[in-house]
PDB file of all heavy atoms in Angstrom:
ATOM      1  N   VAL A   1      -5.703  -9.209  17.042  1.00  0.00           N
ATOM      2  CA  VAL A   1      -4.380  -8.630  17.162  1.00  0.00           C
ATOM      3  C   VAL A   1      -3.423  -8.989  16.061  1.00  0.00           C
ATOM      4  O   VAL A   1      -2.697  -8.142  15.597  1.00  0.00           O
ATOM      5  CB  VAL A   1      -3.800  -9.048  18.637  1.00  0.00           C
ATOM      6  CG1 VAL A   1      -2.307  -8.742  18.722  1.00  0.00           C
ATOM      7  CG2 VAL A   1      -4.481  -8.475  19.741  1.00  0.00           C
ATOM      8  N   PHE A   2      -3.578 -10.178  15.603  1.00  0.00           N
ATOM      9  CA  PHE A   2      -2.773 -10.680  14.454  1.00  0.00           C
ATOM     10  C   PHE A   2      -3.247  -9.860  13.195  1.00  0.00           C
ATOM     11  O   PHE A   2      -2.354  -9.415  12.356  1.00  0.00           O
ATOM     12  CB  PHE A   2      -2.862 -12.111  14.242  1.00  0.00           C
ATOM     13  CG  PHE A   2      -2.151 -12.614  13.035  1.00  0.00           C
ATOM     14  CD1 PHE A   2      -0.785 -12.376  12.831  1.00  0.00           C
ATOM     15  CD2 PHE A   2      -2.858 -13.307  12.053  1.00  0.00           C
ATOM     16  CE1 PHE A   2      -0.043 -12.813  11.763  1.00  0.00           C
ATOM     17  CE2 PHE A   2      -2.186 -13.778  10.889  1.00  0.00           C
ATOM     18  CZ  PHE A   2      -0.743 -13.541  10.699  1.00  0.00           C
ATOM     19  N   LEU A   3      -4.538  -9.615  13.025  1.00  0.00           N
ATOM     20  CA  LEU A   3      -5.048  -8.881  11.935  1.00  0.00           C
ATOM     21  C   LEU A   3      -4.396  -7.442  11.989  1.00  0.00           C
ATOM     22  O   LEU A   3      -3.992  -6.896  10.934  1.00  0.00           O
ATOM     23  CB  LEU A   3      -6.523  -8.770  12.019  1.00  0.00           C
ATOM     24  CG  LEU A   3      -7.247  -7.680  11.216  1.00  0.00           C
ATOM     25  CD1 LEU A   3      -7.103  -7.956   9.679  1.00  0.00           C
ATOM     26  CD2 LEU A   3      -8.687  -7.567  11.508  1.00  0.00           C
ATOM     27  N   ALA A   4      -4.390  -6.896  13.117  1.00  0.00           N
ATOM     28  CA  ALA A   4      -3.777  -5.475  13.270  1.00  0.00           C
ATOM     29  C   ALA A   4      -2.309  -5.506  12.906  1.00  0.00           C
ATOM     30  O   ALA A   4      -1.882  -4.534  12.322  1.00  0.00           O
ATOM     31  CB  ALA A   4      -3.949  -5.034  14.809  1.00  0.00           C
ATOM     32  N   ALA A   5      -1.592  -6.619  13.299  1.00  0.00           N
ATOM     33  CA  ALA A   5      -0.189  -6.672  12.899  1.00  0.00           C
ATOM     34  C   ALA A   5      -0.017  -6.713  11.335  1.00  0.00           C
ATOM     35  O   ALA A   5       0.848  -6.111  10.730  1.00  0.00           O
ATOM     36  CB  ALA A   5       0.447  -7.861  13.490  1.00  0.00           C
ATOM     37  N   ILE A   6      -0.930  -7.407  10.681  1.00  0.00           N
ATOM     38  CA  ILE A   6      -0.934  -7.469   9.294  1.00  0.00           C
ATOM     39  C   ILE A   6      -1.196  -6.131   8.633  1.00  0.00           C
ATOM     40  O   ILE A   6      -0.468  -5.689   7.684  1.00  0.00           O
ATOM     41  CB  ILE A   6      -2.020  -8.489   8.629  1.00  0.00           C
ATOM     42  CG1 ILE A   6      -1.636  -9.972   9.090  1.00  0.00           C
ATOM     43  CG2 ILE A   6      -2.098  -8.346   7.178  1.00  0.00           C
ATOM     44  CD1 ILE A   6      -2.690 -11.011   8.766  1.00  0.00           C
ATOM     45  N   ILE A   7      -2.233  -5.375   9.156  1.00  0.00           N
ATOM     46  CA  ILE A   7      -2.531  -4.032   8.710  1.00  0.00           C
ATOM     47  C   ILE A   7      -1.309  -3.123   8.904  1.00  0.00           C
ATOM     48  O   ILE A   7      -0.890  -2.245   8.053  1.00  0.00           O
ATOM     49  CB  ILE A   7      -3.750  -3.502   9.450  1.00  0.00           C
ATOM     50  CG1 ILE A   7      -4.942  -4.346   8.915  1.00  0.00           C
ATOM     51  CG2 ILE A   7      -4.018  -2.033   9.002  1.00  0.00           C
ATOM     52  CD1 ILE A   7      -6.286  -4.011   9.608  1.00  0.00           C
ATOM     53  N   GLY A   8      -0.787  -3.241  10.079  1.00  0.00           N
ATOM     54  CA  GLY A   8       0.419  -2.269  10.440  1.00  0.00           C
ATOM     55  C   GLY A   8       1.565  -2.460   9.590  1.00  0.00           C
ATOM     56  O   GLY A   8       2.388  -1.502   9.381  1.00  0.00           O
ATOM     57  N   THR A   9       1.805  -3.712   9.063  1.00  0.00           N
ATOM     58  CA  THR A   9       2.976  -3.917   8.243  1.00  0.00           C
ATOM     59  C   THR A   9       2.719  -3.850   6.815  1.00  0.00           C
ATOM     60  O   THR A   9       3.614  -4.091   5.891  1.00  0.00           O
ATOM     61  CB  THR A   9       3.517  -5.368   8.567  1.00  0.00           C
ATOM     62  OG1 THR A   9       2.474  -6.377   8.316  1.00  0.00           O
ATOM     63  CG2 THR A   9       4.076  -5.460  10.039  1.00  0.00           C
ATOM     64  N   SER A  10       1.427  -3.483   6.407  1.00  0.00           N
ATOM     65  CA  SER A  10       1.069  -3.500   4.932  1.00  0.00           C
ATOM     66  C   SER A  10       0.942  -2.211   4.292  1.00  0.00           C
ATOM     67  O   SER A  10       0.889  -2.087   3.133  1.00  0.00           O
ATOM     68  CB  SER A  10      -0.216  -4.264   4.827  1.00  0.00           C
ATOM     69  OG  SER A  10      -0.104  -5.593   5.174  1.00  0.00           O
ATOM     70  N   PHE A  11       0.792  -1.106   5.132  1.00  0.00           N
ATOM     71  CA  PHE A  11       0.572   0.183   4.586  1.00  0.00           C
ATOM     72  C   PHE A  11       1.669   1.145   4.848  1.00  0.00           C
ATOM     73  O   PHE A  11       2.206   1.077   5.899  1.00  0.00           O
ATOM     74  CB  PHE A  11      -0.795   0.792   5.043  1.00  0.00           C
ATOM     75  CG  PHE A  11      -1.968   0.102   4.605  1.00  0.00           C
ATOM     76  CD1 PHE A  11      -2.711  -0.754   5.534  1.00  0.00           C
ATOM     77  CD2 PHE A  11      -2.517   0.269   3.409  1.00  0.00           C
ATOM     78  CE1 PHE A  11      -3.855  -1.398   5.133  1.00  0.00           C
ATOM     79  CE2 PHE A  11      -3.660  -0.442   2.957  1.00  0.00           C
ATOM     80  CZ  PHE A  11      -4.303  -1.273   3.825  1.00  0.00           C
ATOM     81  N   ASP A  12       2.005   2.062   3.959  1.00  0.00           N
ATOM     82  CA  ASP A  12       2.987   3.043   4.251  1.00  0.00           C
ATOM     83  C   ASP A  12       2.441   4.126   5.156  1.00  0.00           C
ATOM     84  O   ASP A  12       3.204   4.728   5.929  1.00  0.00           O
ATOM     85  CB  ASP A  12       3.518   3.660   2.896  1.00  0.00           C
ATOM     86  CG  ASP A  12       4.303   2.686   2.022  1.00  0.00           C
ATOM     87  OD1 ASP A  12       4.927   1.747   2.606  1.00  0.00           O
ATOM     88  OD2 ASP A  12       4.158   2.762   0.834  1.00  0.00           O
ATOM     89  N   ARG A  13       1.161   4.362   4.950  1.00  0.00           N
ATOM     90  CA  ARG A  13       0.555   5.474   5.735  1.00  0.00           C
ATOM     91  C   ARG A  13       0.095   4.842   7.112  1.00  0.00           C
ATOM     92  O   ARG A  13      -0.144   3.656   7.157  1.00  0.00           O
ATOM     93  CB  ARG A  13      -0.765   5.987   4.985  1.00  0.00           C
ATOM     94  CG  ARG A  13      -0.445   6.692   3.741  1.00  0.00           C
ATOM     95  CD  ARG A  13      -1.708   7.348   3.135  1.00  0.00           C
ATOM     96  NE  ARG A  13      -1.659   8.003   1.885  1.00  0.00           N
ATOM     97  CZ  ARG A  13      -1.842   7.408   0.682  1.00  0.00           C
ATOM     98  NH1 ARG A  13      -2.228   6.110   0.668  1.00  0.00           N
ATOM     99  NH2 ARG A  13      -1.651   7.968  -0.376  1.00  0.00           N
ATOM    100  N   THR A  14      -0.172   5.753   7.966  1.00  0.00           N
ATOM    101  CA  THR A  14      -0.810   5.289   9.253  1.00  0.00           C
ATOM    102  C   THR A  14      -2.195   4.990   9.057  1.00  0.00           C
ATOM    103  O   THR A  14      -2.810   5.337   8.093  1.00  0.00           O
ATOM    104  CB  THR A  14      -0.642   6.441  10.384  1.00  0.00           C
ATOM    105  OG1 THR A  14      -1.371   7.640   9.863  1.00  0.00           O
ATOM    106  CG2 THR A  14       0.720   6.737  10.604  1.00  0.00           C
ATOM    107  N   PRO A  15      -2.878   4.171   9.988  1.00  0.00           N
ATOM    108  CA  PRO A  15      -4.330   3.786   9.721  1.00  0.00           C
ATOM    109  C   PRO A  15      -5.284   4.937   9.436  1.00  0.00           C
ATOM    110  O   PRO A  15      -6.053   4.819   8.584  1.00  0.00           O
ATOM    111  CB  PRO A  15      -4.638   2.950  11.017  1.00  0.00           C
ATOM    112  CG  PRO A  15      -3.573   3.262  11.973  1.00  0.00           C
ATOM    113  CD  PRO A  15      -2.308   3.651  11.214  1.00  0.00           C
ATOM    114  N   PHE A  16      -5.244   5.941  10.266  1.00  0.00           N
ATOM    115  CA  PHE A  16      -6.178   7.009  10.122  1.00  0.00           C
ATOM    116  C   PHE A  16      -5.808   7.873   8.907  1.00  0.00           C
ATOM    117  O   PHE A  16      -6.713   8.483   8.234  1.00  0.00           O
ATOM    118  CB  PHE A  16      -6.347   7.833  11.343  1.00  0.00           C
ATOM    119  CG  PHE A  16      -7.248   7.257  12.408  1.00  0.00           C
ATOM    120  CD1 PHE A  16      -6.676   6.641  13.488  1.00  0.00           C
ATOM    121  CD2 PHE A  16      -8.575   7.298  12.163  1.00  0.00           C
ATOM    122  CE1 PHE A  16      -7.523   6.065  14.488  1.00  0.00           C
ATOM    123  CE2 PHE A  16      -9.453   6.710  13.171  1.00  0.00           C
ATOM    124  CZ  PHE A  16      -8.847   6.133  14.313  1.00  0.00           C
ATOM    125  N   SER A  17      -4.575   7.966   8.494  1.00  0.00           N
ATOM    126  CA  SER A  17      -4.111   8.693   7.304  1.00  0.00           C
ATOM    127  C   SER A  17      -4.637   7.885   6.111  1.00  0.00           C
ATOM    128  O   SER A  17      -5.102   8.490   5.133  1.00  0.00           O
ATOM    129  CB  SER A  17      -2.672   8.767   7.218  1.00  0.00           C
ATOM    130  OG  SER A  17      -2.110   9.536   8.233  1.00  0.00           O
ATOM    131  N   GLU A  18      -4.579   6.611   6.157  1.00  0.00           N
ATOM    132  CA  GLU A  18      -5.169   5.825   5.140  1.00  0.00           C
ATOM    133  C   GLU A  18      -6.742   5.959   5.001  1.00  0.00           C
ATOM    134  O   GLU A  18      -7.236   6.008   3.813  1.00  0.00           O
ATOM    135  CB  GLU A  18      -4.960   4.254   5.364  1.00  0.00           C
ATOM    136  CG  GLU A  18      -4.977   3.348   4.176  1.00  0.00           C
ATOM    137  CD  GLU A  18      -4.053   3.591   3.037  1.00  0.00           C
ATOM    138  OE1 GLU A  18      -2.959   3.960   3.344  1.00  0.00           O
ATOM    139  OE2 GLU A  18      -4.444   3.359   1.856  1.00  0.00           O
ATOM    140  N   ILE A  19      -7.353   5.963   6.146  1.00  0.00           N
ATOM    141  CA  ILE A  19      -8.802   6.132   6.117  1.00  0.00           C
ATOM    142  C   ILE A  19      -9.087   7.578   5.533  1.00  0.00           C
ATOM    143  O   ILE A  19     -10.109   7.844   4.717  1.00  0.00           O
ATOM    144  CB  ILE A  19      -9.435   6.039   7.454  1.00  0.00           C
ATOM    145  CG1 ILE A  19      -9.397   4.555   7.891  1.00  0.00           C
ATOM    146  CG2 ILE A  19     -10.859   6.529   7.504  1.00  0.00           C
ATOM    147  CD1 ILE A  19      -9.661   4.316   9.422  1.00  0.00           C
ATOM    148  N   ALA A  20      -8.381   8.557   5.963  1.00  0.00           N
ATOM    149  CA  ALA A  20      -8.644  10.002   5.475  1.00  0.00           C
ATOM    150  C   ALA A  20      -8.362  10.119   4.030  1.00  0.00           C
ATOM    151  O   ALA A  20      -9.074  10.739   3.256  1.00  0.00           O
ATOM    152  CB  ALA A  20      -7.736  10.887   6.306  1.00  0.00           C
ATOM    153  N   HIS A  21      -7.364   9.407   3.494  1.00  0.00           N
ATOM    154  CA  HIS A  21      -6.993   9.407   2.095  1.00  0.00           C
ATOM    155  C   HIS A  21      -8.128   8.858   1.222  1.00  0.00           C
ATOM    156  O   HIS A  21      -8.409   9.284   0.187  1.00  0.00           O
ATOM    157  CB  HIS A  21      -5.749   8.692   1.832  1.00  0.00           C
ATOM    158  CG  HIS A  21      -5.362   8.547   0.401  1.00  0.00           C
ATOM    159  ND1 HIS A  21      -4.868   9.563  -0.371  1.00  0.00           N
ATOM    160  CD2 HIS A  21      -5.305   7.462  -0.436  1.00  0.00           C
ATOM    161  CE1 HIS A  21      -4.589   9.108  -1.606  1.00  0.00           C
ATOM    162  NE2 HIS A  21      -4.899   7.833  -1.619  1.00  0.00           N
ATOM    163  N   ARG A  22      -8.765   7.776   1.750  1.00  0.00           N
ATOM    164  CA  ARG A  22      -9.782   7.025   1.000  1.00  0.00           C
ATOM    165  C   ARG A  22     -11.196   7.433   1.261  1.00  0.00           C
ATOM    166  O   ARG A  22     -12.079   7.441   0.356  1.00  0.00           O
ATOM    167  CB  ARG A  22      -9.607   5.494   1.223  1.00  0.00           C
ATOM    168  CG  ARG A  22      -8.282   4.954   0.812  1.00  0.00           C
ATOM    169  CD  ARG A  22      -8.158   3.465   1.129  1.00  0.00           C
ATOM    170  NE  ARG A  22      -6.849   2.940   0.779  1.00  0.00           N
ATOM    171  CZ  ARG A  22      -6.534   2.466  -0.466  1.00  0.00           C
ATOM    172  NH1 ARG A  22      -7.452   2.420  -1.372  1.00  0.00           N
ATOM    173  NH2 ARG A  22      -5.371   1.970  -0.609  1.00  0.00           N
ATOM    174  N   LEU A  23     -11.556   7.923   2.444  1.00  0.00           N
ATOM    175  CA  LEU A  23     -12.835   8.239   2.804  1.00  0.00           C
ATOM    176  C   LEU A  23     -13.059   9.645   3.173  1.00  0.00           C
ATOM    177  O   LEU A  23     -14.182  10.171   3.359  1.00  0.00           O
ATOM    178  CB  LEU A  23     -13.358   7.397   3.996  1.00  0.00           C
ATOM    179  CG  LEU A  23     -13.440   5.861   3.774  1.00  0.00           C
ATOM    180  CD1 LEU A  23     -13.865   5.064   4.986  1.00  0.00           C
ATOM    181  CD2 LEU A  23     -14.346   5.475   2.600  1.00  0.00           C
ATOM    182  N   GLY A  24     -11.896  10.441   3.430  1.00  0.00           N
ATOM    183  CA  GLY A  24     -11.975  11.857   3.679  1.00  0.00           C
ATOM    184  C   GLY A  24     -11.589  12.121   5.155  1.00  0.00           C
ATOM    185  O   GLY A  24     -11.833  11.244   5.994  1.00  0.00           O
ATOM    186  N   ARG A  25     -11.006  13.226   5.440  1.00  0.00           N
ATOM    187  CA  ARG A  25     -10.548  13.582   6.735  1.00  0.00           C
ATOM    188  C   ARG A  25     -11.626  13.657   7.735  1.00  0.00           C
ATOM    189  O   ARG A  25     -11.554  13.351   8.943  1.00  0.00           O
ATOM    190  CB  ARG A  25      -9.835  14.950   6.666  1.00  0.00           C
ATOM    191  CG  ARG A  25      -9.292  15.408   8.056  1.00  0.00           C
ATOM    192  CD  ARG A  25      -8.182  14.397   8.612  1.00  0.00           C
ATOM    193  NE  ARG A  25      -7.010  14.356   7.737  1.00  0.00           N
ATOM    194  CZ  ARG A  25      -6.019  13.451   8.040  1.00  0.00           C
ATOM    195  NH1 ARG A  25      -6.052  12.690   8.992  1.00  0.00           N
ATOM    196  NH2 ARG A  25      -4.896  13.400   7.252  1.00  0.00           N
ATOM    197  N   PRO A  26     -12.917  14.264   7.387  1.00  0.00           N
ATOM    198  CA  PRO A  26     -14.005  14.232   8.395  1.00  0.00           C
ATOM    199  C   PRO A  26     -14.295  12.848   8.987  1.00  0.00           C
ATOM    200  O   PRO A  26     -14.506  12.746  10.237  1.00  0.00           O
ATOM    201  CB  PRO A  26     -15.185  14.737   7.602  1.00  0.00           C
ATOM    202  CG  PRO A  26     -14.535  15.666   6.579  1.00  0.00           C
ATOM    203  CD  PRO A  26     -13.254  14.893   6.197  1.00  0.00           C
ATOM    204  N   VAL A  27     -14.331  11.826   8.166  1.00  0.00           N
ATOM    205  CA  VAL A  27     -14.533  10.452   8.706  1.00  0.00           C
ATOM    206  C   VAL A  27     -13.479  10.090   9.611  1.00  0.00           C
ATOM    207  O   VAL A  27     -13.799   9.502  10.694  1.00  0.00           O
ATOM    208  CB  VAL A  27     -14.674   9.437   7.544  1.00  0.00           C
ATOM    209  CG1 VAL A  27     -14.815   8.007   7.987  1.00  0.00           C
ATOM    210  CG2 VAL A  27     -15.752   9.847   6.519  1.00  0.00           C
ATOM    211  N   SER A  28     -12.257  10.304   9.286  1.00  0.00           N
ATOM    212  CA  SER A  28     -11.137   9.969  10.053  1.00  0.00           C
ATOM    213  C   SER A  28     -11.221  10.648  11.515  1.00  0.00           C
ATOM    214  O   SER A  28     -11.081  10.062  12.535  1.00  0.00           O
ATOM    215  CB  SER A  28      -9.812  10.403   9.443  1.00  0.00           C
ATOM    216  OG  SER A  28      -8.732  10.426  10.360  1.00  0.00           O
ATOM    217  N   ILE A  29     -11.604  12.052  11.520  1.00  0.00           N
ATOM    218  CA  ILE A  29     -11.712  12.769  12.654  1.00  0.00           C
ATOM    219  C   ILE A  29     -12.780  12.232  13.693  1.00  0.00           C
ATOM    220  O   ILE A  29     -12.717  12.154  14.795  1.00  0.00           O
ATOM    221  CB  ILE A  29     -11.880  14.227  12.387  1.00  0.00           C
ATOM    222  CG1 ILE A  29     -10.562  14.792  11.666  1.00  0.00           C
ATOM    223  CG2 ILE A  29     -12.196  14.968  13.571  1.00  0.00           C
ATOM    224  CD1 ILE A  29     -10.886  16.269  11.172  1.00  0.00           C
ATOM    225  N   VAL A  30     -13.976  11.917  13.055  1.00  0.00           N
ATOM    226  CA  VAL A  30     -15.016  11.440  13.843  1.00  0.00           C
ATOM    227  C   VAL A  30     -14.619  10.199  14.535  1.00  0.00           C
ATOM    228  O   VAL A  30     -14.882  10.029  15.718  1.00  0.00           O
ATOM    229  CB  VAL A  30     -16.360  11.126  13.018  1.00  0.00           C
ATOM    230  CG1 VAL A  30     -17.291  10.329  13.731  1.00  0.00           C
ATOM    231  CG2 VAL A  30     -16.895  12.486  12.490  1.00  0.00           C
ATOM    232  N   ILE A  31     -14.057   9.226  13.870  1.00  0.00           N
ATOM    233  CA  ILE A  31     -13.666   7.891  14.488  1.00  0.00           C
ATOM    234  C   ILE A  31     -12.557   8.286  15.499  1.00  0.00           C
ATOM    235  O   ILE A  31     -12.538   7.654  16.645  1.00  0.00           O
ATOM    236  CB  ILE A  31     -13.103   6.900  13.377  1.00  0.00           C
ATOM    237  CG1 ILE A  31     -14.230   6.604  12.436  1.00  0.00           C
ATOM    238  CG2 ILE A  31     -12.519   5.736  14.240  1.00  0.00           C
ATOM    239  CD1 ILE A  31     -13.714   5.707  11.271  1.00  0.00           C
ATOM    240  N   GLY A  32     -11.676   9.101  15.189  1.00  0.00           N
ATOM    241  CA  GLY A  32     -10.605   9.454  16.084  1.00  0.00           C
ATOM    242  C   GLY A  32     -11.091  10.112  17.491  1.00  0.00           C
ATOM    243  O   GLY A  32     -10.655   9.797  18.555  1.00  0.00           O
ATOM    244  N   ILE A  33     -12.004  10.994  17.252  1.00  0.00           N
ATOM    245  CA  ILE A  33     -12.616  11.672  18.508  1.00  0.00           C
ATOM    246  C   ILE A  33     -13.397  10.635  19.392  1.00  0.00           C
ATOM    247  O   ILE A  33     -13.203  10.678  20.646  1.00  0.00           O
ATOM    248  CB  ILE A  33     -13.568  12.859  18.135  1.00  0.00           C
ATOM    249  CG1 ILE A  33     -12.799  13.937  17.555  1.00  0.00           C
ATOM    250  CG2 ILE A  33     -14.368  13.325  19.186  1.00  0.00           C
ATOM    251  CD1 ILE A  33     -13.516  15.090  16.943  1.00  0.00           C
ATOM    252  N   VAL A  34     -14.186   9.800  18.742  1.00  0.00           N
ATOM    253  CA  VAL A  34     -14.936   8.741  19.565  1.00  0.00           C
ATOM    254  C   VAL A  34     -13.900   7.902  20.324  1.00  0.00           C
ATOM    255  O   VAL A  34     -14.084   7.548  21.416  1.00  0.00           O
ATOM    256  CB  VAL A  34     -15.898   8.003  18.638  1.00  0.00           C
ATOM    257  CG1 VAL A  34     -16.406   6.752  19.280  1.00  0.00           C
ATOM    258  CG2 VAL A  34     -16.907   8.816  18.102  1.00  0.00           C
ATOM    259  N   PHE A  35     -12.909   7.379  19.559  1.00  0.00           N
ATOM    260  CA  PHE A  35     -11.762   6.640  20.103  1.00  0.00           C
ATOM    261  C   PHE A  35     -11.230   7.349  21.455  1.00  0.00           C
ATOM    262  O   PHE A  35     -10.997   6.670  22.376  1.00  0.00           O
ATOM    263  CB  PHE A  35     -10.732   6.484  19.062  1.00  0.00           C
ATOM    264  CG  PHE A  35      -9.972   5.198  19.295  1.00  0.00           C
ATOM    265  CD1 PHE A  35      -9.260   4.589  18.113  1.00  0.00           C
ATOM    266  CD2 PHE A  35      -9.750   4.591  20.423  1.00  0.00           C
ATOM    267  CE1 PHE A  35      -8.523   3.535  18.244  1.00  0.00           C
ATOM    268  CE2 PHE A  35      -8.912   3.508  20.613  1.00  0.00           C
ATOM    269  CZ  PHE A  35      -8.336   2.896  19.581  1.00  0.00           C
ATOM    270  N   PHE A  36     -10.910   8.555  21.266  1.00  0.00           N
ATOM    271  CA  PHE A  36     -10.231   9.328  22.366  1.00  0.00           C
ATOM    272  C   PHE A  36     -11.306   9.444  23.623  1.00  0.00           C
ATOM    273  O   PHE A  36     -10.807   9.278  24.659  1.00  0.00           O
ATOM    274  CB  PHE A  36      -9.845  10.724  21.925  1.00  0.00           C
ATOM    275  CG  PHE A  36      -9.188  11.565  22.977  1.00  0.00           C
ATOM    276  CD1 PHE A  36      -7.940  11.370  23.319  1.00  0.00           C
ATOM    277  CD2 PHE A  36      -9.956  12.500  23.624  1.00  0.00           C
ATOM    278  CE1 PHE A  36      -7.256  12.099  24.367  1.00  0.00           C
ATOM    279  CE2 PHE A  36      -9.289  13.342  24.647  1.00  0.00           C
ATOM    280  CZ  PHE A  36      -8.096  13.160  25.034  1.00  0.00           C
ATOM    281  N   LEU A  37     -12.511   9.708  23.201  1.00  0.00           N
ATOM    282  CA  LEU A  37     -13.527   9.839  24.352  1.00  0.00           C
ATOM    283  C   LEU A  37     -13.771   8.550  25.066  1.00  0.00           C
ATOM    284  O   LEU A  37     -13.941   8.471  26.190  1.00  0.00           O
ATOM    285  CB  LEU A  37     -14.822  10.385  23.762  1.00  0.00           C
ATOM    286  CG  LEU A  37     -14.811  11.831  23.236  1.00  0.00           C
ATOM    287  CD1 LEU A  37     -16.254  12.111  22.644  1.00  0.00           C
ATOM    288  CD2 LEU A  37     -14.661  12.775  24.384  1.00  0.00           C
ATOM    289  N   ILE A  38     -13.733   7.500  24.274  1.00  0.00           N
ATOM    290  CA  ILE A  38     -13.896   6.092  24.992  1.00  0.00           C
ATOM    291  C   ILE A  38     -12.802   5.902  26.008  1.00  0.00           C
ATOM    292  O   ILE A  38     -12.998   5.585  27.154  1.00  0.00           O
ATOM    293  CB  ILE A  38     -13.928   4.977  23.926  1.00  0.00           C
ATOM    294  CG1 ILE A  38     -15.178   5.079  23.056  1.00  0.00           C
ATOM    295  CG2 ILE A  38     -13.779   3.649  24.623  1.00  0.00           C
ATOM    296  CD1 ILE A  38     -15.158   4.093  21.912  1.00  0.00           C
ATOM    297  N   THR A  39     -11.529   6.102  25.514  1.00  0.00           N
ATOM    298  CA  THR A  39     -10.392   5.878  26.472  1.00  0.00           C
ATOM    299  C   THR A  39     -10.377   6.913  27.575  1.00  0.00           C
ATOM    300  O   THR A  39     -10.025   6.558  28.801  1.00  0.00           O
ATOM    301  CB  THR A  39      -8.984   5.958  25.632  1.00  0.00           C
ATOM    302  OG1 THR A  39      -8.988   7.171  24.997  1.00  0.00           O
ATOM    303  CG2 THR A  39      -8.996   4.814  24.612  1.00  0.00           C
ATOM    304  N   SER A  40     -10.783   8.197  27.341  1.00  0.00           N
ATOM    305  CA  SER A  40     -10.744   9.160  28.362  1.00  0.00           C
ATOM    306  C   SER A  40     -11.823   8.751  29.477  1.00  0.00           C
ATOM    307  O   SER A  40     -11.598   9.002  30.682  1.00  0.00           O
ATOM    308  CB  SER A  40     -11.068  10.453  27.843  1.00  0.00           C
ATOM    309  OG  SER A  40      -9.962  10.955  26.975  1.00  0.00           O
ATOM    310  N   CYS A  41     -12.959   8.376  28.982  1.00  0.00           N
ATOM    311  CA  CYS A  41     -14.082   8.065  29.918  1.00  0.00           C
ATOM    312  C   CYS A  41     -13.675   6.842  30.843  1.00  0.00           C
ATOM    313  O   CYS A  41     -14.082   6.884  32.046  1.00  0.00           O
ATOM    314  CB  CYS A  41     -15.389   7.724  29.126  1.00  0.00           C
ATOM    315  SG  CYS A  41     -16.172   9.148  28.494  1.00  0.00           S
TER     316      CYS A  41
END
């Protein structure tokens, strides 16, 4: 949780925007969809 606080205060972009910028939007979408499915299930 403390690590997440460091990340959240260190980037101007949101976490998935940062991932999409560096690794591409498809990678960001895959992680986001899996994330959503986990919480929904």
